[in-house]
Amino acid sequence: MFAANALSYVAVAAVAVVLVLGLSNMMRGGSPNRSQSFMRWRVILQFAAIVILMGVLWLTHRGP
């Protein structure tokens, strides 16, 4: 169960890191292509994080 919780935290942290990278790139006036790439990765990672979180919820709340 610890591994599932750790995987959830890693997935959410990955989304946060990519979000901060994309925002910092936009704020300092970096390449629009790079910022768009970060935002695409954020959407992909958000999907993966949702799938992981739903899987963890399903595993922890199913019956004995």
Protein backbone atom coordinates (compact mmCIF):
# COMPACT_ATOMS: atom_id res chain seq x y z
CA MET A 1 0.00 0.00 0.00
CA PHE A 2 2.93 2.35 0.68
CA ALA A 3 4.08 1.95 -2.93
CA ALA A 4 0.66 2.95 -4.25
CA ASN A 5 0.60 6.06 -2.07
CA ALA A 6 4.15 6.96 -3.06
CA LEU A 7 3.25 6.54 -6.74
CA SER A 8 0.33 8.92 -6.24
CA TYR A 9 2.57 11.56 -4.69
CA VAL A 10 5.13 11.16 -7.47
CA ALA A 11 2.44 11.56 -10.15
CA VAL A 12 1.04 14.73 -8.58
CA ALA A 13 4.54 16.12 -8.04
CA ALA A 14 5.42 15.49 -11.69
CA VAL A 15 2.37 17.49 -12.79
CA ALA A 16 3.34 20.33 -10.44
CA VAL A 17 6.94 20.40 -11.68
CA VAL A 18 5.92 20.56 -15.33
CA LEU A 19 3.35 23.25 -14.52
CA VAL A 20 5.98 25.38 -12.78
CA LEU A 21 8.45 24.87 -15.64
CA GLY A 22 5.86 25.96 -18.19
CA LEU A 23 4.78 28.99 -16.19
CA SER A 24 8.34 30.09 -15.49
CA ASN A 25 9.16 29.78 -19.18
CA MET A 26 6.18 31.99 -20.05
CA MET A 27 6.97 34.56 -17.34
CA ARG A 28 10.54 35.11 -18.45
CA GLY A 29 9.53 35.33 -22.11
CA GLY A 30 10.98 32.04 -23.27
CA SER A 31 10.17 30.17 -26.43
CA PRO A 32 6.43 29.78 -27.05
CA ASN A 33 7.09 26.35 -28.54
CA ARG A 34 8.78 25.17 -25.36
CA SER A 35 5.96 26.56 -23.22
CA GLN A 36 3.40 24.78 -25.41
CA SER A 37 5.40 21.57 -25.10
CA PHE A 38 5.39 21.88 -21.30
CA MET A 39 1.64 22.39 -21.30
CA ARG A 40 1.11 19.32 -23.51
CA TRP A 41 3.21 17.26 -21.11
CA ARG A 42 1.19 18.67 -18.22
CA VAL A 43 -2.04 17.46 -19.78
CA ILE A 44 -0.57 14.00 -20.42
CA LEU A 45 0.79 13.78 -16.88
CA GLN A 46 -2.52 14.97 -15.43
CA PHE A 47 -4.29 12.15 -17.25
CA ALA A 48 -1.75 9.65 -15.95
CA ALA A 49 -2.07 11.05 -12.41
CA ILE A 50 -5.86 10.74 -12.52
CA VAL A 51 -5.62 7.13 -13.71
CA ILE A 52 -3.11 6.34 -10.95
CA LEU A 53 -5.17 8.05 -8.26
CA MET A 54 -8.36 6.29 -9.34
CA GLY A 55 -6.51 2.96 -9.32
CA VAL A 56 -5.18 3.60 -5.83
CA LEU A 57 -8.66 4.55 -4.62
CA TRP A 58 -10.09 1.41 -6.15
CA LEU A 59 -7.41 -0.77 -4.56
CA THR A 60 -7.78 0.78 -1.12
CA HIS A 61 -11.57 0.84 -0.95
CA ARG A 62 -12.52 -2.53 -2.37
CA GLY A 63 -13.74 -5.19 -0.01
CA PRO A 64 -11.58 -7.81 1.73
